[in-house]
N, C-alpha and C. Protein backbone atom coordinates (compact mmCIF):
# COMPACT_ATOMS: atom_id res chain seq x y z
N MET A 1 -9.90 -19.96 -10.55
CA MET A 1 -9.87 -19.67 -9.13
C MET A 1 -9.14 -20.80 -8.41
N THR A 2 -8.15 -20.44 -7.65
CA THR A 2 -7.37 -21.42 -6.90
C THR A 2 -7.84 -21.42 -5.45
N ARG A 3 -8.14 -22.60 -4.95
CA ARG A 3 -8.53 -22.72 -3.56
C ARG A 3 -7.33 -23.14 -2.74
N LEU A 4 -7.33 -22.71 -1.49
CA LEU A 4 -6.24 -23.07 -0.58
C LEU A 4 -6.49 -24.45 0.00
N ALA A 5 -5.43 -25.11 0.39
CA ALA A 5 -5.50 -26.42 1.02
C ALA A 5 -4.57 -26.42 2.23
N ALA A 6 -4.79 -27.36 3.11
CA ALA A 6 -3.93 -27.48 4.31
C ALA A 6 -2.47 -27.54 3.89
N GLY A 7 -1.64 -26.74 4.57
CA GLY A 7 -0.21 -26.67 4.28
C GLY A 7 0.18 -25.52 3.39
N ASP A 8 -0.78 -24.96 2.63
CA ASP A 8 -0.48 -23.80 1.79
C ASP A 8 -0.18 -22.58 2.67
N ALA A 9 0.56 -21.64 2.11
CA ALA A 9 0.77 -20.36 2.80
C ALA A 9 -0.50 -19.53 2.67
N ALA A 10 -1.01 -19.05 3.79
CA ALA A 10 -2.20 -18.20 3.78
C ALA A 10 -1.79 -16.77 3.44
N PRO A 11 -2.45 -16.14 2.49
CA PRO A 11 -2.11 -14.75 2.17
C PRO A 11 -2.35 -13.84 3.38
N ASP A 12 -1.36 -13.01 3.70
CA ASP A 12 -1.51 -12.05 4.79
C ASP A 12 -2.39 -10.91 4.30
N PHE A 13 -3.07 -10.25 5.21
CA PHE A 13 -3.89 -9.11 4.83
C PHE A 13 -4.11 -8.18 6.01
N THR A 14 -4.34 -6.93 5.68
CA THR A 14 -4.79 -5.92 6.63
C THR A 14 -5.92 -5.18 5.93
N LEU A 15 -7.09 -5.15 6.56
CA LEU A 15 -8.28 -4.54 5.95
C LEU A 15 -9.02 -3.68 6.96
N PRO A 16 -9.84 -2.74 6.47
CA PRO A 16 -10.70 -1.96 7.36
C PRO A 16 -11.64 -2.89 8.12
N ALA A 17 -11.84 -2.61 9.42
CA ALA A 17 -12.60 -3.54 10.25
C ALA A 17 -13.44 -2.84 11.30
N THR A 18 -14.41 -3.58 11.80
CA THR A 18 -15.19 -3.16 12.96
C THR A 18 -14.51 -3.73 14.20
N GLY A 19 -14.81 -3.14 15.34
CA GLY A 19 -14.42 -3.73 16.61
C GLY A 19 -12.93 -3.77 16.92
N THR A 20 -12.14 -2.93 16.25
CA THR A 20 -10.71 -2.88 16.57
C THR A 20 -10.34 -1.46 16.96
N ALA A 21 -9.29 -1.33 17.73
CA ALA A 21 -8.89 -0.01 18.23
C ALA A 21 -8.51 0.95 17.11
N ASP A 22 -7.84 0.45 16.07
CA ASP A 22 -7.38 1.35 15.00
C ASP A 22 -8.22 1.27 13.73
N GLY A 23 -9.33 0.51 13.76
CA GLY A 23 -10.20 0.43 12.60
C GLY A 23 -9.70 -0.48 11.50
N THR A 24 -8.68 -1.30 11.81
CA THR A 24 -8.19 -2.27 10.83
C THR A 24 -8.00 -3.62 11.52
N PHE A 25 -7.95 -4.66 10.70
CA PHE A 25 -7.62 -5.99 11.20
C PHE A 25 -6.43 -6.48 10.40
N SER A 26 -5.40 -6.95 11.10
CA SER A 26 -4.20 -7.50 10.47
C SER A 26 -4.09 -8.97 10.84
N LEU A 27 -4.06 -9.84 9.84
CA LEU A 27 -3.90 -11.27 10.10
C LEU A 27 -2.58 -11.53 10.83
N ALA A 28 -1.51 -10.91 10.37
CA ALA A 28 -0.20 -11.14 10.99
C ALA A 28 -0.22 -10.77 12.48
N LYS A 29 -0.84 -9.64 12.81
CA LYS A 29 -0.92 -9.22 14.22
C LYS A 29 -1.74 -10.21 15.04
N ALA A 30 -2.85 -10.66 14.47
CA ALA A 30 -3.72 -11.60 15.19
C ALA A 30 -3.00 -12.93 15.44
N LEU A 31 -2.23 -13.37 14.45
CA LEU A 31 -1.49 -14.63 14.60
C LEU A 31 -0.37 -14.52 15.62
N ALA A 32 0.17 -13.31 15.81
CA ALA A 32 1.32 -13.11 16.69
C ALA A 32 0.93 -12.99 18.16
N GLU A 33 -0.36 -12.95 18.47
CA GLU A 33 -0.77 -12.81 19.86
C GLU A 33 -0.35 -14.04 20.66
N PRO A 34 0.13 -13.85 21.89
CA PRO A 34 0.57 -14.97 22.72
C PRO A 34 -0.53 -16.01 22.92
N GLY A 35 -0.16 -17.27 22.81
CA GLY A 35 -1.11 -18.35 23.03
C GLY A 35 -2.01 -18.65 21.86
N ARG A 36 -1.81 -17.94 20.77
CA ARG A 36 -2.69 -18.11 19.60
C ARG A 36 -2.42 -19.44 18.91
N LYS A 37 -3.47 -20.25 18.73
CA LYS A 37 -3.37 -21.51 17.99
C LYS A 37 -3.75 -21.30 16.52
N GLY A 38 -4.45 -20.22 16.24
CA GLY A 38 -4.83 -19.93 14.86
C GLY A 38 -5.89 -18.85 14.78
N VAL A 39 -6.18 -18.46 13.55
CA VAL A 39 -7.22 -17.49 13.28
C VAL A 39 -8.21 -18.13 12.32
N VAL A 40 -9.48 -18.11 12.70
CA VAL A 40 -10.56 -18.60 11.85
C VAL A 40 -11.00 -17.42 10.99
N VAL A 41 -10.75 -17.52 9.68
CA VAL A 41 -11.14 -16.48 8.73
C VAL A 41 -12.33 -17.05 7.96
N TYR A 42 -13.49 -16.43 8.16
CA TYR A 42 -14.65 -16.94 7.43
C TYR A 42 -15.16 -15.88 6.47
N PHE A 43 -15.54 -16.35 5.29
CA PHE A 43 -15.97 -15.48 4.19
C PHE A 43 -17.46 -15.68 3.98
N TYR A 44 -18.19 -14.56 3.93
CA TYR A 44 -19.65 -14.63 3.78
C TYR A 44 -20.11 -13.58 2.78
N PRO A 45 -21.23 -13.85 2.09
CA PRO A 45 -21.66 -12.98 1.00
C PRO A 45 -22.12 -11.58 1.38
N ALA A 46 -23.01 -11.46 2.38
CA ALA A 46 -23.58 -10.14 2.64
C ALA A 46 -24.09 -10.01 4.07
N ALA A 47 -23.68 -8.97 4.73
CA ALA A 47 -24.14 -8.69 6.09
C ALA A 47 -25.65 -8.50 6.11
N MET A 48 -26.25 -8.92 7.20
CA MET A 48 -27.66 -8.72 7.50
C MET A 48 -28.61 -9.50 6.59
N THR A 49 -28.11 -10.53 5.92
CA THR A 49 -28.99 -11.44 5.19
C THR A 49 -29.23 -12.66 6.09
N PRO A 50 -30.28 -13.42 5.84
CA PRO A 50 -30.62 -14.51 6.77
C PRO A 50 -29.50 -15.53 6.99
N GLY A 51 -28.92 -16.07 5.93
CA GLY A 51 -27.87 -17.07 6.09
C GLY A 51 -26.63 -16.52 6.76
N CYS A 52 -26.24 -15.33 6.37
CA CYS A 52 -25.03 -14.73 6.94
C CYS A 52 -25.24 -14.35 8.40
N THR A 53 -26.47 -13.97 8.74
CA THR A 53 -26.78 -13.67 10.14
C THR A 53 -26.71 -14.95 10.97
N THR A 54 -27.26 -16.05 10.45
CA THR A 54 -27.21 -17.34 11.14
C THR A 54 -25.77 -17.73 11.41
N GLU A 55 -24.92 -17.64 10.38
CA GLU A 55 -23.52 -18.03 10.53
C GLU A 55 -22.79 -17.13 11.52
N ALA A 56 -22.98 -15.82 11.40
CA ALA A 56 -22.31 -14.88 12.30
C ALA A 56 -22.73 -15.10 13.75
N CYS A 57 -24.02 -15.34 13.96
CA CYS A 57 -24.50 -15.57 15.33
C CYS A 57 -23.98 -16.89 15.88
N ASP A 58 -23.81 -17.89 15.01
CA ASP A 58 -23.19 -19.15 15.46
C ASP A 58 -21.75 -18.91 15.91
N PHE A 59 -21.00 -18.11 15.12
CA PHE A 59 -19.64 -17.78 15.55
C PHE A 59 -19.67 -16.98 16.85
N ARG A 60 -20.58 -16.02 16.97
CA ARG A 60 -20.70 -15.22 18.19
C ARG A 60 -20.96 -16.13 19.39
N ASP A 61 -21.89 -17.08 19.23
CA ASP A 61 -22.27 -17.96 20.34
C ASP A 61 -21.17 -18.96 20.70
N SER A 62 -20.25 -19.23 19.77
CA SER A 62 -19.14 -20.15 20.02
C SER A 62 -17.83 -19.42 20.31
N LEU A 63 -17.87 -18.10 20.31
CA LEU A 63 -16.65 -17.31 20.42
C LEU A 63 -15.86 -17.60 21.69
N ALA A 64 -16.52 -17.70 22.82
CA ALA A 64 -15.80 -17.93 24.08
C ALA A 64 -15.03 -19.24 24.03
N SER A 65 -15.65 -20.30 23.52
CA SER A 65 -14.94 -21.58 23.49
C SER A 65 -13.85 -21.58 22.42
N LEU A 66 -14.08 -20.90 21.29
CA LEU A 66 -13.02 -20.80 20.28
C LEU A 66 -11.83 -20.03 20.84
N GLN A 67 -12.11 -18.89 21.48
CA GLN A 67 -11.03 -18.09 22.06
C GLN A 67 -10.34 -18.86 23.18
N GLY A 68 -11.12 -19.60 23.98
CA GLY A 68 -10.55 -20.39 25.06
C GLY A 68 -9.60 -21.47 24.54
N ALA A 69 -9.86 -21.93 23.32
CA ALA A 69 -9.00 -22.94 22.69
C ALA A 69 -7.84 -22.29 21.92
N GLY A 70 -7.77 -20.94 21.93
CA GLY A 70 -6.66 -20.24 21.29
C GLY A 70 -6.92 -19.70 19.90
N TYR A 71 -8.19 -19.67 19.48
CA TYR A 71 -8.52 -19.21 18.13
C TYR A 71 -9.21 -17.86 18.15
N ALA A 72 -8.77 -16.97 17.26
CA ALA A 72 -9.47 -15.72 17.01
C ALA A 72 -10.40 -15.96 15.83
N VAL A 73 -11.42 -15.12 15.69
CA VAL A 73 -12.37 -15.23 14.58
C VAL A 73 -12.46 -13.88 13.89
N VAL A 74 -12.49 -13.90 12.55
CA VAL A 74 -12.71 -12.70 11.77
C VAL A 74 -13.60 -13.06 10.58
N GLY A 75 -14.59 -12.21 10.33
CA GLY A 75 -15.48 -12.40 9.19
C GLY A 75 -15.10 -11.45 8.07
N VAL A 76 -15.13 -11.93 6.82
CA VAL A 76 -14.73 -11.12 5.66
C VAL A 76 -15.88 -11.11 4.66
N SER A 77 -16.25 -9.91 4.22
CA SER A 77 -17.26 -9.77 3.16
C SER A 77 -16.91 -8.54 2.33
N PRO A 78 -17.55 -8.40 1.17
CA PRO A 78 -17.29 -7.22 0.35
C PRO A 78 -18.09 -5.99 0.80
N ASP A 79 -18.86 -6.10 1.87
CA ASP A 79 -19.67 -4.99 2.36
C ASP A 79 -18.81 -3.84 2.85
N PRO A 80 -19.31 -2.60 2.74
CA PRO A 80 -18.59 -1.46 3.31
C PRO A 80 -18.60 -1.52 4.84
N VAL A 81 -17.60 -0.90 5.45
CA VAL A 81 -17.47 -0.93 6.91
C VAL A 81 -18.73 -0.40 7.60
N GLU A 82 -19.35 0.61 7.03
CA GLU A 82 -20.56 1.18 7.65
C GLU A 82 -21.65 0.12 7.80
N LYS A 83 -21.83 -0.71 6.79
CA LYS A 83 -22.84 -1.78 6.86
C LYS A 83 -22.40 -2.83 7.88
N LEU A 84 -21.10 -3.13 7.92
CA LEU A 84 -20.59 -4.11 8.88
C LEU A 84 -20.78 -3.63 10.31
N GLU A 85 -20.61 -2.33 10.53
CA GLU A 85 -20.81 -1.77 11.87
C GLU A 85 -22.26 -1.94 12.32
N LYS A 86 -23.20 -1.70 11.39
CA LYS A 86 -24.62 -1.90 11.71
C LYS A 86 -24.92 -3.36 12.01
N PHE A 87 -24.33 -4.25 11.23
CA PHE A 87 -24.49 -5.69 11.41
C PHE A 87 -23.96 -6.10 12.79
N ALA A 88 -22.76 -5.66 13.12
CA ALA A 88 -22.14 -6.00 14.40
C ALA A 88 -22.99 -5.48 15.56
N GLU A 89 -23.48 -4.27 15.43
CA GLU A 89 -24.29 -3.69 16.50
C GLU A 89 -25.63 -4.41 16.63
N ARG A 90 -26.29 -4.64 15.50
CA ARG A 90 -27.60 -5.28 15.52
C ARG A 90 -27.57 -6.67 16.15
N ASP A 91 -26.51 -7.44 15.85
CA ASP A 91 -26.46 -8.82 16.31
C ASP A 91 -25.42 -9.07 17.41
N ALA A 92 -24.92 -8.00 18.02
CA ALA A 92 -23.96 -8.10 19.13
C ALA A 92 -22.77 -8.98 18.76
N LEU A 93 -22.20 -8.71 17.59
CA LEU A 93 -21.03 -9.47 17.12
C LEU A 93 -19.78 -8.81 17.68
N THR A 94 -19.04 -9.53 18.50
CA THR A 94 -17.91 -8.95 19.21
C THR A 94 -16.57 -9.33 18.61
N PHE A 95 -16.56 -9.98 17.46
CA PHE A 95 -15.33 -10.28 16.74
C PHE A 95 -15.26 -9.35 15.53
N PRO A 96 -14.07 -9.09 14.99
CA PRO A 96 -13.95 -8.16 13.87
C PRO A 96 -14.64 -8.67 12.60
N LEU A 97 -15.26 -7.74 11.91
CA LEU A 97 -15.79 -7.96 10.57
C LEU A 97 -15.00 -7.03 9.66
N VAL A 98 -14.43 -7.57 8.58
CA VAL A 98 -13.59 -6.75 7.71
C VAL A 98 -14.22 -6.58 6.35
N SER A 99 -13.92 -5.44 5.74
CA SER A 99 -14.45 -5.08 4.43
C SER A 99 -13.39 -5.32 3.36
N ASP A 100 -13.71 -6.19 2.43
CA ASP A 100 -12.84 -6.48 1.29
C ASP A 100 -13.57 -6.05 0.02
N ALA A 101 -13.76 -4.73 -0.10
CA ALA A 101 -14.58 -4.17 -1.18
C ALA A 101 -14.05 -4.51 -2.58
N ASP A 102 -12.74 -4.62 -2.74
CA ASP A 102 -12.21 -4.91 -4.08
C ASP A 102 -11.99 -6.40 -4.32
N HIS A 103 -12.38 -7.24 -3.37
CA HIS A 103 -12.32 -8.70 -3.48
C HIS A 103 -10.91 -9.26 -3.54
N ALA A 104 -9.90 -8.49 -3.23
CA ALA A 104 -8.52 -8.97 -3.33
C ALA A 104 -8.25 -10.14 -2.39
N VAL A 105 -8.69 -10.03 -1.14
CA VAL A 105 -8.48 -11.10 -0.18
C VAL A 105 -9.38 -12.28 -0.52
N LEU A 106 -10.62 -12.00 -0.87
CA LEU A 106 -11.54 -13.07 -1.28
C LEU A 106 -10.93 -13.86 -2.44
N ASP A 107 -10.39 -13.17 -3.43
CA ASP A 107 -9.73 -13.84 -4.57
C ASP A 107 -8.54 -14.67 -4.10
N ALA A 108 -7.70 -14.08 -3.26
CA ALA A 108 -6.47 -14.74 -2.81
C ALA A 108 -6.77 -16.02 -2.04
N TYR A 109 -7.90 -16.05 -1.36
CA TYR A 109 -8.28 -17.22 -0.57
C TYR A 109 -9.18 -18.19 -1.34
N GLY A 110 -9.49 -17.88 -2.58
CA GLY A 110 -10.36 -18.75 -3.38
C GLY A 110 -11.82 -18.69 -2.98
N ALA A 111 -12.20 -17.58 -2.34
CA ALA A 111 -13.57 -17.44 -1.85
C ALA A 111 -14.41 -16.48 -2.72
N TRP A 112 -13.92 -16.17 -3.90
CA TRP A 112 -14.67 -15.32 -4.83
C TRP A 112 -14.71 -16.05 -6.17
N GLY A 113 -15.89 -16.22 -6.71
CA GLY A 113 -16.00 -16.91 -7.99
C GLY A 113 -17.43 -17.25 -8.31
N VAL A 114 -17.61 -18.17 -9.22
CA VAL A 114 -18.94 -18.58 -9.65
C VAL A 114 -19.52 -19.55 -8.63
N ARG A 115 -20.75 -19.29 -8.23
CA ARG A 115 -21.47 -20.15 -7.30
C ARG A 115 -22.92 -20.23 -7.73
N LYS A 116 -23.63 -21.15 -7.17
CA LYS A 116 -25.06 -21.31 -7.48
C LYS A 116 -25.89 -20.46 -6.52
N LEU A 117 -26.86 -19.75 -7.07
CA LEU A 117 -27.81 -18.99 -6.26
C LEU A 117 -29.18 -19.21 -6.88
N TYR A 118 -30.02 -19.90 -6.16
CA TYR A 118 -31.35 -20.26 -6.66
C TYR A 118 -31.28 -20.93 -8.02
N GLY A 119 -30.31 -21.84 -8.17
CA GLY A 119 -30.17 -22.62 -9.39
C GLY A 119 -29.45 -21.94 -10.54
N LYS A 120 -29.03 -20.70 -10.34
CA LYS A 120 -28.34 -19.96 -11.40
C LYS A 120 -26.89 -19.71 -11.01
N ASP A 121 -26.02 -19.66 -12.01
CA ASP A 121 -24.63 -19.32 -11.75
C ASP A 121 -24.49 -17.82 -11.58
N VAL A 122 -23.89 -17.40 -10.47
CA VAL A 122 -23.61 -16.00 -10.21
C VAL A 122 -22.17 -15.88 -9.73
N THR A 123 -21.58 -14.74 -9.94
CA THR A 123 -20.24 -14.48 -9.43
C THR A 123 -20.36 -13.73 -8.12
N GLY A 124 -19.68 -14.22 -7.10
CA GLY A 124 -19.74 -13.58 -5.80
C GLY A 124 -18.95 -14.36 -4.78
N VAL A 125 -19.28 -14.13 -3.53
CA VAL A 125 -18.59 -14.78 -2.42
C VAL A 125 -19.03 -16.23 -2.32
N ILE A 126 -18.07 -17.10 -2.20
CA ILE A 126 -18.30 -18.52 -1.94
C ILE A 126 -18.12 -18.70 -0.44
N ARG A 127 -19.21 -19.06 0.24
CA ARG A 127 -19.14 -19.18 1.70
C ARG A 127 -18.06 -20.19 2.07
N SER A 128 -17.03 -19.72 2.77
CA SER A 128 -15.84 -20.52 3.03
C SER A 128 -15.26 -20.18 4.39
N THR A 129 -14.46 -21.11 4.91
CA THR A 129 -13.74 -20.87 6.16
C THR A 129 -12.34 -21.43 6.03
N VAL A 130 -11.37 -20.61 6.42
CA VAL A 130 -9.97 -21.04 6.42
C VAL A 130 -9.41 -20.76 7.80
N VAL A 131 -8.81 -21.78 8.40
CA VAL A 131 -8.14 -21.60 9.69
C VAL A 131 -6.65 -21.48 9.41
N VAL A 132 -6.08 -20.35 9.84
CA VAL A 132 -4.67 -20.07 9.60
C VAL A 132 -3.90 -20.35 10.89
N ALA A 133 -2.86 -21.16 10.77
CA ALA A 133 -2.00 -21.53 11.90
C ALA A 133 -1.05 -20.37 12.23
N PRO A 134 -0.47 -20.37 13.43
CA PRO A 134 0.43 -19.28 13.83
C PRO A 134 1.61 -19.07 12.88
N ASP A 135 2.05 -20.11 12.17
CA ASP A 135 3.16 -19.94 11.23
C ASP A 135 2.72 -19.40 9.87
N GLY A 136 1.43 -19.07 9.75
CA GLY A 136 0.91 -18.50 8.51
C GLY A 136 0.47 -19.52 7.48
N SER A 137 0.51 -20.79 7.85
CA SER A 137 0.05 -21.83 6.92
C SER A 137 -1.43 -22.13 7.15
N VAL A 138 -2.05 -22.69 6.14
CA VAL A 138 -3.45 -23.08 6.24
C VAL A 138 -3.54 -24.39 7.03
N ALA A 139 -4.31 -24.38 8.10
CA ALA A 139 -4.53 -25.59 8.89
C ALA A 139 -5.78 -26.32 8.40
N VAL A 140 -6.82 -25.57 8.07
CA VAL A 140 -8.09 -26.11 7.59
C VAL A 140 -8.62 -25.18 6.52
N ALA A 141 -9.12 -25.74 5.42
CA ALA A 141 -9.77 -24.96 4.37
C ALA A 141 -11.06 -25.65 3.99
N GLN A 142 -12.18 -24.94 4.14
CA GLN A 142 -13.49 -25.50 3.82
C GLN A 142 -14.22 -24.53 2.90
N TYR A 143 -14.71 -25.06 1.78
CA TYR A 143 -15.40 -24.23 0.78
C TYR A 143 -16.83 -24.72 0.57
N ASN A 144 -17.68 -23.80 0.14
CA ASN A 144 -19.10 -24.10 -0.09
C ASN A 144 -19.76 -24.66 1.16
N VAL A 145 -19.44 -24.07 2.30
CA VAL A 145 -20.03 -24.52 3.56
C VAL A 145 -21.46 -23.99 3.67
N LYS A 146 -22.25 -24.66 4.46
CA LYS A 146 -23.62 -24.23 4.75
C LYS A 146 -23.59 -23.31 5.96
N ALA A 147 -24.44 -22.30 5.95
CA ALA A 147 -24.48 -21.37 7.08
C ALA A 147 -24.92 -22.06 8.36
N THR A 148 -25.88 -22.94 8.27
CA THR A 148 -26.41 -23.62 9.44
C THR A 148 -25.57 -24.85 9.77
N GLY A 149 -25.10 -24.94 11.00
CA GLY A 149 -24.35 -26.10 11.46
C GLY A 149 -22.87 -26.08 11.14
N HIS A 150 -22.44 -25.11 10.37
CA HIS A 150 -21.03 -25.06 9.96
C HIS A 150 -20.09 -24.88 11.15
N VAL A 151 -20.42 -23.99 12.07
CA VAL A 151 -19.53 -23.70 13.19
C VAL A 151 -19.38 -24.94 14.08
N ALA A 152 -20.45 -25.68 14.28
CA ALA A 152 -20.37 -26.91 15.09
C ALA A 152 -19.43 -27.92 14.43
N ARG A 153 -19.52 -28.06 13.11
CA ARG A 153 -18.62 -28.97 12.40
C ARG A 153 -17.17 -28.49 12.50
N LEU A 154 -16.96 -27.19 12.38
CA LEU A 154 -15.62 -26.62 12.49
C LEU A 154 -15.04 -26.88 13.88
N ARG A 155 -15.85 -26.70 14.90
CA ARG A 155 -15.40 -26.95 16.27
C ARG A 155 -14.93 -28.39 16.44
N ARG A 156 -15.67 -29.33 15.86
CA ARG A 156 -15.26 -30.75 15.92
C ARG A 156 -13.96 -30.95 15.16
N THR A 157 -13.84 -30.33 14.00
CA THR A 157 -12.61 -30.45 13.20
C THR A 157 -11.40 -29.95 13.98
N LEU A 158 -11.59 -28.86 14.73
CA LEU A 158 -10.50 -28.27 15.52
C LEU A 158 -10.26 -29.01 16.84
N GLY A 159 -11.08 -30.00 17.14
CA GLY A 159 -10.92 -30.76 18.37
C GLY A 159 -11.44 -30.05 19.61
N ILE A 160 -12.27 -29.04 19.40
CA ILE A 160 -12.84 -28.30 20.55
C ILE A 160 -13.99 -29.09 21.16
N ASP A 161 -14.77 -29.75 20.32
CA ASP A 161 -15.85 -30.63 20.79
C ASP A 161 -15.45 -32.05 20.48
N ALA A 162 -15.44 -32.88 21.47
CA ALA A 162 -15.04 -34.28 21.26
C ALA A 162 -16.15 -35.07 20.60
């Protein structure tokens, strides 16, 4: 499994999504929006689980300041769109959640592989965040992040919080 690093080309993708007019999310389209400083792509294991809910709600609660600083947010998981729609509705998530059922994008970003779960090795989503710059390069790549406090650390990394 290859992980991305700052300066690498971020793989482009278009996936089925919640909260978009056409039911898809395109990284290229999101990056092309005027004033865009980047897109925060975060990868999480499963909608409606405690850790993933904590992380999603942290992004939701920071969304206005992230958007104000020029960043869009998109969450990626292997969950089907129907489950993501329930998740978005239940927790008032107003940013797109995309379904990567075949793990192609997760693989391309280095967010799918062996991880520890209750002390055992399992294959699945590695909780990660990649910030993609408008030119399509990776600005920030963080792997094995913790659900709690991650968004605050990311905001500091992006210079949103001094």
